[in-house]
Amino acid sequence: MTDERIAKFDTRREELAKLSNDQLKSRFWELTNKMVEPIIDLAKTHTSPSIERAILLRMGVDSVSSHGVVDRILEAGLLGKGAGHVVLKLSQTSGKDIRGAAQAILDDKNVLNGLF
């Protein structure tokens, strides 16, 4: 390590040593949130049908159904909200489980109208 880098480390360590545990915890979460902001922004604006199908698979929707569900959500212009989010919201509003909500989307594409 260079002397300059060691000096910067020592300075940061001294500053952190002055903080209480609660202040350190707060600082940790502040830095963590800053670090993941770009990732969250990217995730909000960049998705694909394959990513959304993978999410539905992890939610318990079978592979064949996930294809159809994502296609219906894409046709409805809701893919940007996330297929998992759409299925979850429909599940909550309809009282069906996740698989039942996915099946409802397959059975009737109009079930997505007015969901958001």
N, C-alpha and C. Protein backbone atom coordinates (compact mmCIF):
# COMPACT_ATOMS: atom_id res chain seq x y z
N MET A 1 0.83 -1.19 0.00
CA MET A 1 0.00 0.00 0.00
C MET A 1 0.87 1.25 0.00
N THR A 2 0.34 2.27 -0.61
CA THR A 2 1.09 3.52 -0.62
C THR A 2 0.86 4.26 0.69
N ASP A 3 1.77 5.14 1.00
CA ASP A 3 1.65 5.93 2.23
C ASP A 3 0.39 6.79 2.23
N GLU A 4 0.05 7.32 1.07
CA GLU A 4 -1.14 8.17 0.97
C GLU A 4 -2.40 7.36 1.28
N ARG A 5 -2.47 6.16 0.77
CA ARG A 5 -3.63 5.31 1.00
C ARG A 5 -3.73 4.93 2.48
N ILE A 6 -2.62 4.62 3.09
CA ILE A 6 -2.60 4.29 4.52
C ILE A 6 -3.06 5.48 5.36
N ALA A 7 -2.61 6.68 4.97
CA ALA A 7 -3.00 7.89 5.70
C ALA A 7 -4.51 8.12 5.60
N LYS A 8 -5.08 7.91 4.41
CA LYS A 8 -6.53 8.08 4.24
C LYS A 8 -7.29 7.07 5.10
N PHE A 9 -6.80 5.84 5.12
CA PHE A 9 -7.44 4.81 5.94
C PHE A 9 -7.41 5.20 7.42
N ASP A 10 -6.26 5.65 7.89
CA ASP A 10 -6.13 6.04 9.29
C ASP A 10 -7.07 7.19 9.64
N THR A 11 -7.20 8.14 8.73
CA THR A 11 -8.10 9.28 8.95
C THR A 11 -9.55 8.79 9.06
N ARG A 12 -9.96 7.92 8.12
CA ARG A 12 -11.34 7.40 8.16
C ARG A 12 -11.57 6.58 9.43
N ARG A 13 -10.59 5.80 9.82
CA ARG A 13 -10.72 4.96 11.01
C ARG A 13 -10.90 5.84 12.25
N GLU A 14 -10.15 6.92 12.34
CA GLU A 14 -10.27 7.84 13.48
C GLU A 14 -11.65 8.49 13.53
N GLU A 15 -12.16 8.88 12.36
CA GLU A 15 -13.49 9.50 12.30
C GLU A 15 -14.57 8.50 12.74
N LEU A 16 -14.45 7.27 12.28
CA LEU A 16 -15.44 6.26 12.64
C LEU A 16 -15.35 5.86 14.10
N ALA A 17 -14.17 5.91 14.67
CA ALA A 17 -13.99 5.54 16.08
C ALA A 17 -14.75 6.49 17.01
N LYS A 18 -15.03 7.69 16.55
CA LYS A 18 -15.75 8.68 17.36
C LYS A 18 -17.26 8.44 17.38
N LEU A 19 -17.75 7.59 16.50
CA LEU A 19 -19.19 7.37 16.38
C LEU A 19 -19.68 6.29 17.34
N SER A 20 -20.90 6.46 17.82
CA SER A 20 -21.52 5.43 18.67
C SER A 20 -21.99 4.28 17.78
N ASN A 21 -22.41 3.20 18.40
CA ASN A 21 -22.91 2.06 17.63
C ASN A 21 -24.13 2.45 16.79
N ASP A 22 -25.04 3.23 17.37
CA ASP A 22 -26.22 3.66 16.62
C ASP A 22 -25.82 4.55 15.43
N GLN A 23 -24.86 5.42 15.65
CA GLN A 23 -24.39 6.28 14.56
C GLN A 23 -23.69 5.46 13.47
N LEU A 24 -22.93 4.45 13.89
CA LEU A 24 -22.27 3.57 12.91
C LEU A 24 -23.31 2.80 12.10
N LYS A 25 -24.33 2.32 12.79
CA LYS A 25 -25.39 1.58 12.10
C LYS A 25 -26.10 2.49 11.10
N SER A 26 -26.39 3.70 11.51
CA SER A 26 -27.04 4.66 10.63
C SER A 26 -26.16 4.98 9.42
N ARG A 27 -24.88 5.17 9.67
CA ARG A 27 -23.93 5.46 8.58
C ARG A 27 -23.83 4.27 7.62
N PHE A 28 -23.82 3.06 8.17
CA PHE A 28 -23.78 1.87 7.34
C PHE A 28 -24.96 1.82 6.38
N TRP A 29 -26.18 2.03 6.90
CA TRP A 29 -27.36 1.96 6.05
C TRP A 29 -27.41 3.10 5.05
N GLU A 30 -26.93 4.26 5.46
CA GLU A 30 -26.87 5.40 4.54
C GLU A 30 -25.97 5.06 3.34
N LEU A 31 -24.79 4.52 3.62
CA LEU A 31 -23.86 4.15 2.55
C LEU A 31 -24.40 2.99 1.71
N THR A 32 -25.05 2.04 2.37
CA THR A 32 -25.62 0.91 1.65
C THR A 32 -26.69 1.38 0.68
N ASN A 33 -27.57 2.27 1.13
CA ASN A 33 -28.61 2.79 0.26
C ASN A 33 -28.02 3.56 -0.92
N LYS A 34 -26.98 4.33 -0.69
CA LYS A 34 -26.31 5.04 -1.78
C LYS A 34 -25.73 4.06 -2.80
N MET A 35 -25.19 2.97 -2.28
CA MET A 35 -24.53 2.00 -3.15
C MET A 35 -25.53 1.27 -4.04
N VAL A 36 -26.71 0.96 -3.53
CA VAL A 36 -27.66 0.19 -4.32
C VAL A 36 -28.61 1.05 -5.15
N GLU A 37 -28.63 2.37 -4.95
CA GLU A 37 -29.50 3.24 -5.73
C GLU A 37 -29.34 3.04 -7.23
N PRO A 38 -28.12 3.04 -7.76
CA PRO A 38 -27.98 2.84 -9.21
C PRO A 38 -28.50 1.48 -9.67
N ILE A 39 -28.34 0.48 -8.84
CA ILE A 39 -28.81 -0.86 -9.19
C ILE A 39 -30.34 -0.88 -9.23
N ILE A 40 -30.96 -0.24 -8.26
CA ILE A 40 -32.42 -0.17 -8.21
C ILE A 40 -32.94 0.62 -9.40
N ASP A 41 -32.30 1.75 -9.71
CA ASP A 41 -32.72 2.54 -10.86
C ASP A 41 -32.62 1.73 -12.15
N LEU A 42 -31.55 0.99 -12.29
CA LEU A 42 -31.36 0.15 -13.47
C LEU A 42 -32.43 -0.93 -13.54
N ALA A 43 -32.73 -1.54 -12.43
CA ALA A 43 -33.74 -2.59 -12.40
C ALA A 43 -35.13 -2.05 -12.74
N LYS A 44 -35.40 -0.81 -12.35
CA LYS A 44 -36.70 -0.22 -12.63
C LYS A 44 -36.89 0.07 -14.11
N THR A 45 -35.81 0.33 -14.81
CA THR A 45 -35.91 0.73 -16.21
C THR A 45 -35.46 -0.34 -17.20
N HIS A 46 -34.89 -1.42 -16.72
CA HIS A 46 -34.38 -2.45 -17.62
C HIS A 46 -34.85 -3.83 -17.16
N THR A 47 -35.75 -4.38 -17.91
CA THR A 47 -36.18 -5.75 -17.65
C THR A 47 -36.41 -6.42 -18.98
N SER A 48 -36.67 -7.67 -18.96
CA SER A 48 -36.95 -8.39 -20.19
C SER A 48 -37.93 -9.51 -19.86
N PRO A 49 -38.59 -10.01 -20.87
CA PRO A 49 -39.50 -11.13 -20.61
C PRO A 49 -38.80 -12.32 -19.95
N SER A 50 -37.56 -12.60 -20.32
CA SER A 50 -36.88 -13.75 -19.72
C SER A 50 -36.61 -13.53 -18.24
N ILE A 51 -36.26 -12.31 -17.86
CA ILE A 51 -36.06 -12.00 -16.44
C ILE A 51 -37.38 -12.15 -15.69
N GLU A 52 -38.44 -11.64 -16.27
CA GLU A 52 -39.74 -11.70 -15.60
C GLU A 52 -40.25 -13.14 -15.50
N ARG A 53 -39.98 -13.97 -16.51
CA ARG A 53 -40.36 -15.38 -16.42
C ARG A 53 -39.59 -16.06 -15.29
N ALA A 54 -38.31 -15.73 -15.17
CA ALA A 54 -37.49 -16.32 -14.10
C ALA A 54 -38.05 -15.95 -12.73
N ILE A 55 -38.51 -14.74 -12.59
CA ILE A 55 -39.10 -14.30 -11.32
C ILE A 55 -40.36 -15.10 -11.02
N LEU A 56 -41.21 -15.28 -12.04
CA LEU A 56 -42.44 -16.05 -11.83
C LEU A 56 -42.13 -17.49 -11.47
N LEU A 57 -41.10 -18.06 -12.07
CA LEU A 57 -40.70 -19.43 -11.73
C LEU A 57 -40.36 -19.52 -10.25
N ARG A 58 -39.65 -18.53 -9.74
CA ARG A 58 -39.27 -18.52 -8.33
C ARG A 58 -40.46 -18.28 -7.41
N MET A 59 -41.53 -17.74 -7.97
CA MET A 59 -42.74 -17.53 -7.20
C MET A 59 -43.64 -18.77 -7.20
N GLY A 60 -43.25 -19.79 -7.98
CA GLY A 60 -44.01 -21.03 -8.00
C GLY A 60 -44.88 -21.23 -9.22
N VAL A 61 -44.80 -20.33 -10.19
CA VAL A 61 -45.56 -20.48 -11.43
C VAL A 61 -44.77 -21.40 -12.35
N ASP A 62 -45.44 -22.37 -12.96
CA ASP A 62 -44.72 -23.32 -13.82
C ASP A 62 -44.22 -22.64 -15.09
N SER A 63 -43.28 -23.27 -15.76
CA SER A 63 -42.58 -22.70 -16.91
C SER A 63 -43.52 -22.36 -18.06
N VAL A 64 -44.40 -23.27 -18.40
CA VAL A 64 -45.32 -23.04 -19.52
C VAL A 64 -46.25 -21.86 -19.21
N SER A 65 -46.79 -21.84 -18.01
CA SER A 65 -47.68 -20.75 -17.62
C SER A 65 -46.96 -19.42 -17.57
N SER A 66 -45.72 -19.43 -17.09
CA SER A 66 -44.98 -18.17 -16.96
C SER A 66 -44.79 -17.49 -18.32
N HIS A 67 -44.60 -18.29 -19.37
CA HIS A 67 -44.49 -17.71 -20.71
C HIS A 67 -45.76 -16.94 -21.07
N GLY A 68 -46.90 -17.60 -20.90
CA GLY A 68 -48.17 -16.97 -21.25
C GLY A 68 -48.49 -15.76 -20.39
N VAL A 69 -48.20 -15.87 -19.10
CA VAL A 69 -48.48 -14.77 -18.18
C VAL A 69 -47.64 -13.54 -18.56
N VAL A 70 -46.36 -13.75 -18.81
CA VAL A 70 -45.49 -12.62 -19.18
C VAL A 70 -45.95 -12.02 -20.50
N ASP A 71 -46.36 -12.85 -21.46
CA ASP A 71 -46.86 -12.32 -22.73
C ASP A 71 -48.09 -11.46 -22.52
N ARG A 72 -49.01 -11.92 -21.68
CA ARG A 72 -50.22 -11.14 -21.39
C ARG A 72 -49.89 -9.82 -20.69
N ILE A 73 -48.95 -9.87 -19.75
CA ILE A 73 -48.56 -8.66 -19.02
C ILE A 73 -47.87 -7.69 -19.97
N LEU A 74 -47.05 -8.20 -20.87
CA LEU A 74 -46.38 -7.37 -21.87
C LEU A 74 -47.41 -6.71 -22.78
N GLU A 75 -48.40 -7.48 -23.25
CA GLU A 75 -49.47 -6.95 -24.11
C GLU A 75 -50.25 -5.84 -23.40
N ALA A 76 -50.42 -5.98 -22.09
CA ALA A 76 -51.18 -4.99 -21.31
C ALA A 76 -50.34 -3.75 -21.00
N GLY A 77 -49.05 -3.79 -21.35
CA GLY A 77 -48.17 -2.65 -21.08
C GLY A 77 -47.75 -2.53 -19.64
N LEU A 78 -47.78 -3.64 -18.91
CA LEU A 78 -47.46 -3.61 -17.48
C LEU A 78 -46.14 -4.27 -17.14
N LEU A 79 -45.36 -4.69 -18.13
CA LEU A 79 -44.13 -5.41 -17.83
C LEU A 79 -43.15 -4.55 -17.02
N GLY A 80 -43.18 -3.25 -17.23
CA GLY A 80 -42.31 -2.35 -16.47
C GLY A 80 -42.60 -2.36 -14.98
N LYS A 81 -43.78 -2.79 -14.61
CA LYS A 81 -44.12 -2.89 -13.18
C LYS A 81 -43.57 -4.17 -12.57
N GLY A 82 -43.17 -5.09 -13.43
CA GLY A 82 -42.64 -6.37 -12.98
C GLY A 82 -43.74 -7.42 -12.97
N ALA A 83 -43.49 -8.52 -13.66
CA ALA A 83 -44.52 -9.57 -13.74
C ALA A 83 -44.86 -10.11 -12.36
N GLY A 84 -43.86 -10.29 -11.52
CA GLY A 84 -44.11 -10.77 -10.17
C GLY A 84 -44.99 -9.82 -9.39
N HIS A 85 -44.75 -8.53 -9.55
CA HIS A 85 -45.54 -7.51 -8.87
C HIS A 85 -46.99 -7.55 -9.36
N VAL A 86 -47.15 -7.69 -10.69
CA VAL A 86 -48.50 -7.74 -11.26
C VAL A 86 -49.26 -8.96 -10.72
N VAL A 87 -48.61 -10.12 -10.74
CA VAL A 87 -49.26 -11.34 -10.25
C VAL A 87 -49.57 -11.22 -8.76
N LEU A 88 -48.64 -10.69 -8.00
CA LEU A 88 -48.87 -10.50 -6.56
C LEU A 88 -50.04 -9.56 -6.30
N LYS A 89 -50.09 -8.45 -7.02
CA LYS A 89 -51.18 -7.49 -6.83
C LYS A 89 -52.52 -8.12 -7.18
N LEU A 90 -52.56 -8.87 -8.29
CA LEU A 90 -53.80 -9.55 -8.65
C LEU A 90 -54.18 -10.58 -7.60
N SER A 91 -53.19 -11.27 -7.07
CA SER A 91 -53.44 -12.25 -6.02
C SER A 91 -54.07 -11.59 -4.80
N GLN A 92 -53.53 -10.45 -4.42
CA GLN A 92 -54.04 -9.74 -3.25
C GLN A 92 -55.44 -9.18 -3.48
N THR A 93 -55.69 -8.65 -4.66
CA THR A 93 -57.00 -8.05 -4.91
C THR A 93 -58.08 -9.09 -5.18
N SER A 94 -57.68 -10.24 -5.69
CA SER A 94 -58.68 -11.27 -6.02
C SER A 94 -58.85 -12.32 -4.93
N GLY A 95 -57.89 -12.37 -3.99
CA GLY A 95 -57.96 -13.37 -2.94
C GLY A 95 -57.48 -14.75 -3.38
N LYS A 96 -56.87 -14.82 -4.56
CA LYS A 96 -56.34 -16.09 -5.06
C LYS A 96 -54.88 -16.24 -4.66
N ASP A 97 -54.40 -17.48 -4.67
CA ASP A 97 -52.97 -17.66 -4.44
C ASP A 97 -52.21 -17.26 -5.70
N ILE A 98 -50.89 -17.30 -5.65
CA ILE A 98 -50.06 -16.84 -6.77
C ILE A 98 -50.37 -17.63 -8.04
N ARG A 99 -50.43 -18.93 -7.92
CA ARG A 99 -50.71 -19.76 -9.11
C ARG A 99 -52.12 -19.49 -9.65
N GLY A 100 -53.06 -19.26 -8.75
CA GLY A 100 -54.41 -18.94 -9.18
C GLY A 100 -54.48 -17.60 -9.90
N ALA A 101 -53.73 -16.63 -9.41
CA ALA A 101 -53.68 -15.32 -10.07
C ALA A 101 -53.04 -15.44 -11.44
N ALA A 102 -51.97 -16.23 -11.54
CA ALA A 102 -51.32 -16.44 -12.84
C ALA A 102 -52.30 -17.11 -13.80
N GLN A 103 -53.04 -18.08 -13.32
CA GLN A 103 -54.01 -18.77 -14.18
C GLN A 103 -55.12 -17.82 -14.61
N ALA A 104 -55.52 -16.91 -13.72
CA ALA A 104 -56.55 -15.93 -14.06
C ALA A 104 -56.09 -15.03 -15.20
N ILE A 105 -54.80 -14.67 -15.18
CA ILE A 105 -54.25 -13.85 -16.26
C ILE A 105 -54.28 -14.62 -17.57
N LEU A 106 -53.95 -15.90 -17.50
CA LEU A 106 -53.99 -16.73 -18.71
C LEU A 106 -55.42 -16.89 -19.23
N ASP A 107 -56.36 -17.05 -18.33
CA ASP A 107 -57.75 -17.29 -18.71
C ASP A 107 -58.44 -16.05 -19.26
N ASP A 108 -58.08 -14.88 -18.74
CA ASP A 108 -58.76 -13.64 -19.14
C ASP A 108 -57.80 -12.47 -19.06
N LYS A 109 -57.36 -11.99 -20.23
CA LYS A 109 -56.40 -10.88 -20.21
C LYS A 109 -57.02 -9.59 -19.67
N ASN A 110 -58.35 -9.50 -19.67
CA ASN A 110 -59.02 -8.30 -19.16
C ASN A 110 -58.91 -8.16 -17.65
N VAL A 111 -58.48 -9.23 -16.96
CA VAL A 111 -58.34 -9.17 -15.52
C VAL A 111 -57.25 -8.16 -15.12
N LEU A 112 -56.40 -7.81 -16.06
CA LEU A 112 -55.33 -6.84 -15.78
C LEU A 112 -55.79 -5.39 -15.91
N ASN A 113 -56.95 -5.18 -16.53
CA ASN A 113 -57.46 -3.82 -16.71
C ASN A 113 -57.77 -3.19 -15.35
N GLY A 114 -57.26 -2.00 -15.14
CA GLY A 114 -57.53 -1.26 -13.91
C GLY A 114 -56.82 -1.78 -12.68
N LEU A 115 -55.87 -2.68 -12.88
CA LEU A 115 -55.15 -3.25 -11.73
C LEU A 115 -54.25 -2.21 -11.06
N PHE A 116 -53.70 -1.31 -11.86
CA PHE A 116 -52.80 -0.27 -11.32
C PHE A 116 -53.39 1.10 -11.60
